Amino acid sequence: MKIKQRYCLPYALPALIVFLSLALSYSFQVMANPDNSINLGVMDSSYQAGPMPVDENTHLSLQDVLQLMLQHNPELASFFKEVLAFEGTKLQASRFRNPELAVEAEDVNSSNPAIQRFTTFRISQLIELGGKRGARMHVASLGQALADKSYEVKKLELIARTANTFIDVLAGQERVRVAEETLQLTRKVVDSANKRVESGKAPPIEETRSKVALSTANIELEQARRDLVSARTQLSLLWGSTSPRFGKVLGNLESTVQIPPFEALERKILDNPLAQRGATNVEHRKAIVELERARRIPDLTLGGGLRRYLVTEDTTAVMNLSIPIPLFDRNQGNLQEAHQRLNKARDEQATVDLLLRTELTRAYQALLAAQNEIRLLQDEVLPGARSAFEVANRGYELGRFSFLEMLDAQRALFQNQILYVRSLANYQRLINEIERLIAAPIDDPANSVHDRPSAESWEQEE
């Protein structure tokens, strides 16, 4: 259909030019200001780079250490950046396809007047059918939820790791104290042995044995100090410091909790972010299946424009409509892949649930055994070892016991004291492990005698 220039150009051509100008102006504005669609400057307010607000005179509680880790751990910050990245993914998923501008010219250089030379200005727009845009936005939203669950998993893992390292430092301080007390006792034994040798009440070999015992006590103290330095370094690395610039850590290894029944803890397994991430992953995969199913429906392309004949100076309107024919490609492969990945996500969810329950069972039984071990050490082993050493030491001074008997009693006391410290540390680590698995305090905070922060308070510290 041809329309004479005097009727068409005053209306159609200016309208088309205005429309194209607005579209191109908006496109150029977006290209000139690529950041106007999302605030890329948003940062995790909890993460802070720079020097730590602690020094050699600062004593840290577990609450202080957790706060430092949440604010300065770079590994945790990297997971938060992944959550922020999905803001851009969601924004991009909501965008419509850009219109396309096409300019066509035929037989421009031909001098044959019989040939109709013309130039066509055409603009077209892809229209998505089948709910693809909504499905794409749903996938992006669930992708961000999945990234958020991964962030929570990493945060809970780092909290548990920090608490365990804190226990290592606290136990290291206690081992150093025990080794120092043992060294002082050994020095007293050496003095007693020297006096007995000098007075002729004991053979000279006892003086040599006492010096060997003193050297052994010094070695044990040095080893305990080295282990403490290593644990302090590992703790400071959790908040990004390469050197342990703090004083002591404050806590009580002998604090306990009232252990609830196993069934009460097992019911809280689904509160673990790892289990919740598995459920979110299944929902994410379901959304991808729906998106691939929607992509089976072909999209529609509508276009329109003006054609200018150069010889007759006539102008006509042109329109076009195109739609792919789903003859060969009906998105079968992508849909099959999405279904299989959904099945995989379900299997992974079941695996994680089974793994959490298995780990909880192991940790719970180990905690009961550790509780019984500590009770036995407190009630029987340590009092007996301490009494045996006092009797042997007093008897050695009176000449009723040999030096070896007194030395064996001292060694037994030291070993049982170290065993007690290790048992207490193991008990605290098992509590950390159970609280990590259930993502909650192991008992009711109102009835707890455990003087450290619960898992709920850890989450509130960020």
Protein backbone atom coordinates (compact mmCIF):
# COMPACT_ATOMS: atom_id res chain seq x y z
CA MET A 1 0.00 0.00 0.00
CA LYS A 2 1.33 3.40 -0.97
CA ILE A 3 0.47 6.64 0.74
CA LYS A 4 1.19 9.98 -0.86
CA GLN A 5 3.85 12.05 0.80
CA ARG A 6 1.62 15.06 1.41
CA TYR A 7 -0.72 12.98 3.59
CA CYS A 8 1.75 10.68 5.36
CA LEU A 9 4.87 12.65 6.11
CA PRO A 10 3.33 15.40 8.23
CA TYR A 11 2.11 12.70 10.69
CA ALA A 12 3.77 9.34 10.35
CA LEU A 13 7.36 10.35 9.76
CA PRO A 14 7.65 12.91 12.59
CA ALA A 15 5.99 10.48 14.99
CA LEU A 16 8.42 7.75 14.03
CA ILE A 17 11.37 10.13 14.34
CA VAL A 18 10.21 11.25 17.81
CA PHE A 19 9.78 7.63 18.90
CA LEU A 20 13.19 6.63 17.62
CA SER A 21 14.78 9.69 19.20
CA LEU A 22 13.31 8.88 22.59
CA ALA A 23 14.39 5.25 22.36
CA LEU A 24 17.91 6.11 21.30
CA SER A 25 18.16 8.89 23.88
CA TYR A 26 17.20 6.50 26.66
CA SER A 27 19.65 3.89 25.39
CA PHE A 28 22.50 6.41 25.27
CA GLN A 29 21.58 7.62 28.76
CA VAL A 30 21.74 4.08 30.13
CA MET A 31 25.07 3.46 28.42
CA ALA A 32 26.45 6.74 29.74
CA ASN A 33 25.26 5.98 33.30
CA PRO A 34 25.58 2.23 33.76
CA ASP A 35 25.38 2.47 37.57
CA ASN A 36 22.03 4.23 37.79
CA SER A 37 20.10 0.99 38.01
CA ILE A 38 21.71 -0.57 41.12
CA ASN A 39 23.70 0.76 44.03
CA LEU A 40 27.01 -1.00 43.58
CA GLY A 41 28.44 0.80 46.57
CA VAL A 42 26.39 -1.22 49.04
CA MET A 43 28.75 -3.09 51.35
CA ASP A 44 28.32 -5.43 54.27
CA SER A 45 28.20 -3.08 57.21
CA SER A 46 29.63 -5.77 59.47
CA TYR A 47 32.85 -6.19 57.51
CA GLN A 48 35.57 -3.66 58.23
CA ALA A 49 39.07 -3.66 56.83
CA GLY A 50 42.00 -2.09 58.63
CA PRO A 51 43.75 -2.42 61.99
CA MET A 52 42.15 -4.39 64.80
CA PRO A 53 40.85 -2.48 67.85
CA VAL A 54 42.84 -4.71 70.24
CA ASP A 55 46.36 -4.67 71.68
CA GLU A 56 48.56 -6.67 74.04
CA ASN A 57 46.69 -5.35 77.09
CA THR A 58 43.23 -6.33 75.81
CA HIS A 59 41.69 -9.47 77.30
CA LEU A 60 39.07 -11.08 75.08
CA SER A 61 35.95 -13.04 75.91
CA LEU A 62 34.31 -15.39 73.41
CA GLN A 63 31.76 -12.68 72.65
CA ASP A 64 34.59 -10.25 71.77
CA VAL A 65 36.34 -12.79 69.56
CA LEU A 66 33.15 -13.61 67.66
CA GLN A 67 32.49 -9.92 67.10
CA LEU A 68 35.98 -9.42 65.70
CA MET A 69 35.59 -12.40 63.39
CA LEU A 70 32.20 -11.28 62.06
CA GLN A 71 33.52 -7.80 61.37
CA HIS A 72 36.91 -8.60 59.83
CA ASN A 73 36.91 -12.12 58.38
CA PRO A 74 37.56 -11.80 54.61
CA GLU A 75 36.19 -15.26 53.80
CA LEU A 76 32.81 -14.34 55.27
CA ALA A 77 32.88 -11.00 53.45
CA SER A 78 33.40 -12.77 50.11
CA PHE A 79 30.21 -14.80 50.62
CA PHE A 80 28.32 -11.59 51.35
CA LYS A 81 29.56 -10.10 48.07
CA GLU A 82 27.99 -13.09 46.29
CA VAL A 83 24.66 -12.19 47.88
CA LEU A 84 25.07 -8.62 46.64
CA ALA A 85 25.91 -9.86 43.15
CA PHE A 86 22.48 -11.47 42.89
CA GLU A 87 20.89 -8.04 43.24
CA GLY A 88 22.29 -7.37 39.79
CA THR A 89 21.09 -10.76 38.58
CA LYS A 90 17.56 -10.00 39.75
CA LEU A 91 17.66 -6.58 38.14
CA GLN A 92 18.86 -7.98 34.82
CA ALA A 93 16.22 -10.72 34.88
CA SER A 94 13.46 -8.12 35.14
CA ARG A 95 14.63 -6.14 32.09
CA PHE A 96 12.70 -6.25 28.80
CA ARG A 97 14.52 -6.95 25.54
CA ASN A 98 15.76 -3.84 23.76
CA PRO A 99 14.00 -2.76 20.57
CA GLU A 100 15.97 -3.12 17.33
CA LEU A 101 16.36 -0.39 14.72
CA ALA A 102 17.06 -1.38 11.11
CA VAL A 103 17.75 0.80 8.07
CA GLU A 104 17.54 -0.83 4.62
CA ALA A 105 18.43 0.69 1.23
CA GLU A 106 18.06 -1.09 -2.16
CA ASP A 107 19.42 -0.15 -5.60
CA VAL A 108 20.80 3.13 -4.30
CA ASN A 109 23.31 3.50 -7.17
CA SER A 110 21.03 2.31 -9.97
CA SER A 111 20.31 4.84 -12.80
CA ASN A 112 17.45 2.82 -14.31
CA PRO A 113 14.26 4.82 -13.68
CA ALA A 114 12.18 1.63 -13.89
CA ILE A 115 13.74 0.31 -10.71
CA GLN A 116 12.06 1.53 -7.60
CA ARG A 117 14.86 2.63 -5.31
CA PHE A 118 13.82 2.98 -1.70
CA THR A 119 15.07 3.28 1.90
CA THR A 120 13.30 1.58 4.80
CA PHE A 121 13.42 2.61 8.45
CA ARG A 122 12.16 -0.18 10.67
CA ILE A 123 11.94 -0.70 14.44
CA SER A 124 11.00 -4.06 15.98
CA GLN A 125 10.38 -5.39 19.47
CA LEU A 126 10.61 -8.94 20.79
CA ILE A 127 7.61 -9.89 22.93
CA GLU A 128 8.25 -12.80 25.30
CA LEU A 129 5.38 -15.24 25.57
CA GLY A 130 4.64 -18.02 28.01
CA GLY A 131 5.59 -16.11 31.17
CA LYS A 132 9.34 -16.26 30.52
CA ARG A 133 10.09 -12.95 32.20
CA GLY A 134 8.22 -13.87 35.40
CA ALA A 135 9.87 -17.31 35.48
CA ARG A 136 13.29 -15.73 34.93
CA MET A 137 12.74 -13.29 37.79
CA HIS A 138 11.60 -16.15 40.04
CA VAL A 139 14.79 -18.10 39.26
CA ALA A 140 16.93 -15.04 40.03
CA SER A 141 15.09 -14.43 43.30
CA LEU A 142 15.59 -18.02 44.44
CA GLY A 143 19.22 -17.82 43.32
CA GLN A 144 19.73 -14.93 45.70
CA ALA A 145 17.97 -16.87 48.48
CA LEU A 146 20.33 -19.77 47.80
CA ALA A 147 23.34 -17.45 48.00
CA ASP A 148 21.98 -16.05 51.24
CA LYS A 149 21.70 -19.57 52.70
CA SER A 150 25.29 -20.28 51.61
CA TYR A 151 26.33 -17.12 53.45
CA GLU A 152 24.52 -18.31 56.59
CA VAL A 153 26.17 -21.73 56.32
CA LYS A 154 29.62 -20.16 56.07
CA LYS A 155 28.87 -17.77 58.95
CA LEU A 156 27.74 -20.61 61.21
CA GLU A 157 30.79 -22.66 60.21
CA LEU A 158 33.14 -19.78 61.02
CA ILE A 159 31.38 -19.14 64.34
CA ALA A 160 31.88 -22.78 65.34
CA ARG A 161 35.50 -22.74 64.14
CA THR A 162 36.17 -19.55 66.09
CA ALA A 163 34.59 -20.98 69.23
CA ASN A 164 36.71 -24.14 68.93
CA THR A 165 39.89 -22.14 68.41
CA PHE A 166 38.96 -19.99 71.39
CA ILE A 167 38.65 -23.20 73.44
CA ASP A 168 42.11 -24.24 72.19
CA VAL A 169 43.61 -20.98 73.46
CA LEU A 170 41.76 -21.24 76.78
CA ALA A 171 42.94 -24.84 77.22
CA GLY A 172 46.46 -23.81 76.20
CA GLN A 173 46.51 -21.18 78.93
CA GLU A 174 45.41 -23.80 81.44
CA ARG A 175 48.08 -26.27 80.28
CA VAL A 176 50.73 -23.60 80.71
CA ARG A 177 49.47 -22.94 84.24
CA VAL A 178 49.59 -26.64 85.10
CA ALA A 179 53.09 -26.95 83.63
CA GLU A 180 54.28 -23.93 85.64
CA GLU A 181 52.89 -25.40 88.87
CA THR A 182 54.53 -28.73 88.06
CA LEU A 183 57.84 -26.96 87.47
CA GLN A 184 57.59 -25.26 90.85
CA LEU A 185 56.85 -28.59 92.54
CA THR A 186 59.80 -30.17 90.74
CA ARG A 187 62.10 -27.42 91.97
CA LYS A 188 60.99 -28.13 95.51
CA VAL A 189 61.69 -31.82 94.93
CA VAL A 190 65.17 -30.97 93.64
CA ASP A 191 65.85 -28.89 96.75
CA SER A 192 64.67 -31.75 98.98
CA ALA A 193 66.81 -34.25 97.07
CA ASN A 194 69.90 -32.01 97.31
CA LYS A 195 69.44 -31.63 101.06
CA ARG A 196 69.06 -35.36 101.55
CA VAL A 197 72.15 -36.07 99.45
CA GLU A 198 74.18 -33.44 101.27
CA SER A 199 73.12 -34.88 104.64
CA GLY A 200 74.02 -38.37 103.50
CA LYS A 201 70.46 -39.65 103.81
CA ALA A 202 70.21 -40.41 100.08
CA PRO A 203 72.64 -41.62 97.43
CA PRO A 204 74.06 -39.09 94.90
CA ILE A 205 72.03 -40.74 92.11
CA GLU A 206 68.88 -39.07 93.49
CA GLU A 207 70.37 -35.64 92.82
CA THR A 208 70.96 -36.64 89.21
CA ARG A 209 67.43 -37.99 88.87
CA SER A 210 65.98 -34.83 90.32
CA LYS A 211 67.86 -32.71 87.78
CA VAL A 212 66.54 -34.93 84.96
CA ALA A 213 63.00 -34.44 86.30
CA LEU A 214 63.57 -30.68 86.42
CA SER A 215 64.76 -30.65 82.80
CA THR A 216 61.71 -32.68 81.76
CA ALA A 217 59.40 -30.22 83.51
CA ASN A 218 61.10 -27.32 81.70
CA ILE A 219 60.64 -29.06 78.35
CA GLU A 220 56.96 -29.68 79.05
CA LEU A 221 56.46 -26.04 80.00
CA GLU A 222 58.20 -24.86 76.83
CA GLN A 223 56.05 -27.18 74.70
CA ALA A 224 52.88 -25.93 76.37
CA ARG A 225 53.92 -22.34 75.67
CA ARG A 226 54.64 -23.13 72.02
CA ASP A 227 51.25 -24.80 71.63
CA LEU A 228 49.62 -21.74 73.18
CA VAL A 229 51.40 -19.40 70.74
CA SER A 230 50.21 -21.55 67.83
CA ALA A 231 46.61 -21.53 69.06
CA ARG A 232 46.70 -17.75 69.60
CA THR A 233 48.00 -17.25 66.07
CA GLN A 234 45.22 -19.41 64.61
CA LEU A 235 42.66 -17.43 66.58
CA SER A 236 43.91 -14.04 65.39
CA LEU A 237 43.96 -15.25 61.77
CA LEU A 238 40.20 -15.68 61.95
CA TRP A 239 39.77 -11.90 62.07
CA GLY A 240 42.52 -11.21 59.53
CA SER A 241 45.44 -10.50 61.88
CA THR A 242 48.73 -12.28 61.20
CA SER A 243 50.00 -11.80 64.75
CA PRO A 244 48.14 -12.42 68.04
CA ARG A 245 48.06 -8.90 69.44
CA PHE A 246 45.86 -9.43 72.46
CA GLY A 247 46.27 -10.41 76.08
CA LYS A 248 44.53 -13.44 77.52
CA VAL A 249 41.22 -14.99 76.58
CA LEU A 250 38.63 -15.05 79.35
CA GLY A 251 36.46 -18.07 80.02
CA ASN A 252 35.79 -21.02 82.26
CA LEU A 253 36.58 -24.45 80.90
CA GLU A 254 34.68 -26.08 83.77
CA SER A 255 31.35 -24.51 82.82
CA THR A 256 28.71 -27.07 81.86
CA VAL A 257 25.29 -27.36 80.25
CA GLN A 258 22.28 -29.49 81.00
CA ILE A 259 22.19 -31.95 78.12
CA PRO A 260 18.62 -32.38 76.76
CA PRO A 261 17.25 -35.64 75.31
CA PHE A 262 18.48 -36.58 71.86
CA GLU A 263 14.99 -36.38 70.35
CA ALA A 264 14.70 -32.73 71.35
CA LEU A 265 17.92 -31.92 69.54
CA GLU A 266 17.08 -34.03 66.49
CA ARG A 267 13.91 -32.02 65.90
CA LYS A 268 16.04 -28.90 65.42
CA ILE A 269 18.14 -30.37 62.60
CA LEU A 270 15.98 -28.72 59.95
CA ASP A 271 16.86 -25.31 61.44
CA ASN A 272 20.44 -25.75 60.27
CA PRO A 273 21.21 -23.40 57.33
CA LEU A 274 22.80 -26.35 55.55
CA ALA A 275 19.46 -28.21 55.57
CA GLN A 276 17.61 -25.03 54.63
CA ARG A 277 20.02 -24.46 51.77
CA GLY A 278 19.19 -27.94 50.45
CA ALA A 279 15.48 -27.15 50.50
CA THR A 280 16.08 -23.79 48.80
CA ASN A 281 18.22 -25.48 46.17
CA VAL A 282 15.33 -27.85 45.35
CA GLU A 283 12.98 -24.87 44.96
CA HIS A 284 15.56 -23.12 42.78
CA ARG A 285 15.84 -26.15 40.53
CA LYS A 286 12.04 -26.38 40.28
CA ALA A 287 11.96 -22.76 39.15
CA ILE A 288 14.59 -23.52 36.50
CA VAL A 289 12.43 -26.41 35.21
CA GLU A 290 9.49 -24.02 34.88
CA LEU A 291 11.69 -21.50 33.07
CA GLU A 292 12.92 -24.11 30.59
CA ARG A 293 9.34 -25.27 30.08
CA ALA A 294 8.30 -21.68 29.33
CA ARG A 295 11.14 -21.35 26.83
CA ARG A 296 9.49 -24.04 24.71
CA ILE A 297 6.91 -21.43 23.69
CA PRO A 298 8.28 -19.30 20.81
CA ASP A 299 8.46 -15.53 21.19
CA LEU A 300 6.77 -13.01 18.94
CA THR A 301 8.57 -10.19 17.14
CA LEU A 302 6.53 -7.16 16.05
CA GLY A 303 7.92 -4.42 13.90
CA GLY A 304 6.90 -1.38 11.95
CA GLY A 305 8.41 1.49 10.03
CA LEU A 306 8.45 3.68 6.92
CA ARG A 307 9.68 3.05 3.38
CA ARG A 308 10.74 6.02 1.27
CA TYR A 309 10.78 5.61 -2.55
CA LEU A 310 13.50 7.79 -3.97
CA VAL A 311 12.16 8.10 -7.55
CA THR A 312 8.49 8.83 -6.92
CA GLU A 313 9.11 10.39 -3.51
CA ASP A 314 6.29 8.33 -2.09
CA THR A 315 6.25 6.98 1.45
CA THR A 316 4.60 3.81 2.64
CA ALA A 317 4.14 2.21 6.05
CA VAL A 318 5.59 -1.25 6.57
CA MET A 319 4.84 -3.79 9.27
CA ASN A 320 6.24 -7.17 10.10
CA LEU A 321 5.41 -10.03 12.44
CA SER A 322 7.62 -13.06 12.93
CA ILE A 323 7.49 -16.11 15.16
CA PRO A 324 9.85 -19.12 15.15
CA ILE A 325 8.36 -22.45 14.17
CA PRO A 326 9.26 -25.01 16.89
CA LEU A 327 9.89 -27.76 14.39
CA PHE A 328 13.31 -29.06 15.42
CA ASP A 329 14.30 -27.23 18.62
CA ARG A 330 11.65 -27.39 21.33
CA ASN A 331 14.18 -26.90 24.13
CA GLN A 332 14.09 -30.64 24.85
CA GLY A 333 17.73 -30.88 25.96
CA ASN A 334 17.64 -27.96 28.39
CA LEU A 335 14.38 -29.22 29.89
CA GLN A 336 15.81 -32.71 30.35
CA GLU A 337 18.92 -31.25 31.99
CA ALA A 338 16.80 -29.15 34.34
CA HIS A 339 14.77 -32.21 35.40
CA GLN A 340 17.91 -34.23 36.13
CA ARG A 341 19.46 -31.39 38.12
CA LEU A 342 16.24 -31.17 40.11
CA ASN A 343 16.52 -34.88 40.91
CA LYS A 344 20.15 -34.31 41.90
CA ALA A 345 19.13 -31.47 44.22
CA ARG A 346 16.60 -33.74 45.92
CA ASP A 347 19.23 -36.45 46.40
CA GLU A 348 21.65 -33.87 47.83
CA GLN A 349 18.99 -32.64 50.23
CA ALA A 350 18.39 -36.18 51.49
CA THR A 351 22.14 -36.72 51.81
CA VAL A 352 22.62 -33.54 53.84
CA ASP A 353 19.74 -34.44 56.13
CA LEU A 354 21.20 -37.91 56.73
CA LEU A 355 24.69 -36.47 57.28
CA LEU A 356 23.44 -33.93 59.83
CA ARG A 357 21.57 -36.60 61.77
CA THR A 358 24.60 -38.90 61.72
CA GLU A 359 26.93 -36.16 62.94
CA LEU A 360 24.45 -35.19 65.65
CA THR A 361 24.25 -38.79 66.87
CA ARG A 362 28.03 -39.09 66.99
CA ALA A 363 28.50 -35.75 68.75
CA TYR A 364 25.72 -36.46 71.26
CA GLN A 365 27.14 -39.83 72.30
CA ALA A 366 30.64 -38.35 72.51
CA LEU A 367 29.31 -35.52 74.69
CA LEU A 368 27.73 -37.98 77.12
CA ALA A 369 31.00 -39.91 77.29
CA ALA A 370 32.98 -36.69 77.85
CA GLN A 371 30.60 -35.67 80.63
CA ASN A 372 31.13 -39.01 82.40
CA GLU A 373 34.89 -38.76 81.91
CA ILE A 374 35.01 -35.30 83.47
CA ARG A 375 32.88 -36.41 86.41
CA LEU A 376 35.19 -39.38 87.01
CA LEU A 377 38.30 -37.18 86.84
CA GLN A 378 36.79 -34.61 89.21
CA ASP A 379 35.44 -37.04 91.78
CA GLU A 380 38.02 -39.82 91.85
CA VAL A 381 41.14 -39.51 89.67
CA LEU A 382 42.37 -36.00 90.48
CA PRO A 383 41.70 -36.13 94.25
CA GLY A 384 43.41 -39.54 94.41
CA ALA A 385 46.42 -38.42 92.37
CA ARG A 386 46.81 -35.24 94.44
CA SER A 387 46.54 -37.16 97.71
CA ALA A 388 49.03 -39.77 96.51
CA PHE A 389 51.57 -37.09 95.60
CA GLU A 390 51.21 -35.30 98.94
CA VAL A 391 51.68 -38.56 100.85
CA ALA A 392 54.64 -39.61 98.69
CA ASN A 393 56.28 -36.21 98.94
CA ARG A 394 55.88 -36.05 102.71
CA GLY A 395 57.02 -39.65 103.05
CA TYR A 396 60.11 -38.94 100.92
CA GLU A 397 61.06 -36.03 103.17
CA LEU A 398 60.73 -38.37 106.18
CA GLY A 399 62.65 -41.13 104.42
CA ARG A 400 59.71 -43.54 104.24
CA PHE A 401 59.38 -43.52 100.43
CA SER A 402 62.01 -43.69 97.74
CA PHE A 403 62.71 -40.91 95.31
CA LEU A 404 61.29 -42.94 92.41
CA GLU A 405 57.98 -43.49 94.24
CA MET A 406 57.65 -39.79 94.92
CA LEU A 407 58.60 -38.95 91.30
CA ASP A 408 56.01 -41.42 89.94
CA ALA A 409 53.32 -39.83 92.10
CA GLN A 410 54.25 -36.38 90.83
CA ARG A 411 54.23 -37.56 87.21
CA ALA A 412 50.80 -39.19 87.67
CA LEU A 413 49.42 -35.96 89.11
CA PHE A 414 50.73 -33.90 86.19
CA GLN A 415 49.43 -36.32 83.55
CA ASN A 416 45.97 -36.48 85.11
CA GLN A 417 45.79 -32.69 85.36
CA ILE A 418 46.63 -32.42 81.64
CA LEU A 419 44.09 -35.15 80.88
CA TYR A 420 41.48 -33.17 82.80
CA VAL A 421 42.19 -30.03 80.79
CA ARG A 422 41.94 -31.98 77.52
CA SER A 423 38.67 -33.56 78.61
CA LEU A 424 37.21 -30.16 79.46
CA ALA A 425 38.31 -28.76 76.10
CA ASN A 426 36.84 -31.75 74.27
CA TYR A 427 33.58 -31.31 76.16
CA GLN A 428 33.34 -27.66 75.10
CA ARG A 429 34.15 -28.50 71.46
CA LEU A 430 31.40 -31.11 71.40
CA ILE A 431 28.93 -28.52 72.67
CA ASN A 432 30.08 -26.21 69.87
CA GLU A 433 29.58 -29.01 67.36
CA ILE A 434 26.04 -29.78 68.52
CA GLU A 435 25.08 -26.11 68.53
CA ARG A 436 26.46 -25.81 64.99
CA LEU A 437 24.35 -28.77 63.87
CA ILE A 438 21.10 -27.46 65.38
CA ALA A 439 21.94 -23.77 64.82
CA ALA A 440 20.64 -23.01 68.32
CA PRO A 441 21.71 -23.20 71.97
CA ILE A 442 21.92 -26.76 73.21
CA ASP A 443 19.69 -26.02 76.18
CA ASP A 444 17.27 -23.38 77.36
CA PRO A 445 19.31 -20.20 78.03
CA ALA A 446 17.24 -19.59 81.19
CA ASN A 447 18.44 -22.89 82.67
CA SER A 448 21.96 -22.84 81.24
CA VAL A 449 25.00 -22.69 83.48
CA HIS A 450 27.28 -22.44 80.48
CA ASP A 451 28.79 -18.96 80.55
CA ARG A 452 29.43 -18.47 76.83
CA PRO A 453 27.19 -16.98 74.12
CA SER A 454 24.55 -19.21 72.62
CA ALA A 455 24.14 -19.80 68.89
CA GLU A 456 21.25 -17.31 68.80
CA SER A 457 23.36 -14.57 70.33
CA TRP A 458 26.12 -15.36 67.84
CA GLU A 459 23.72 -14.61 64.99
CA GLN A 460 22.67 -11.33 66.62
CA GLU A 461 26.26 -10.13 66.94
CA GLU A 462 26.62 -9.36 63.26
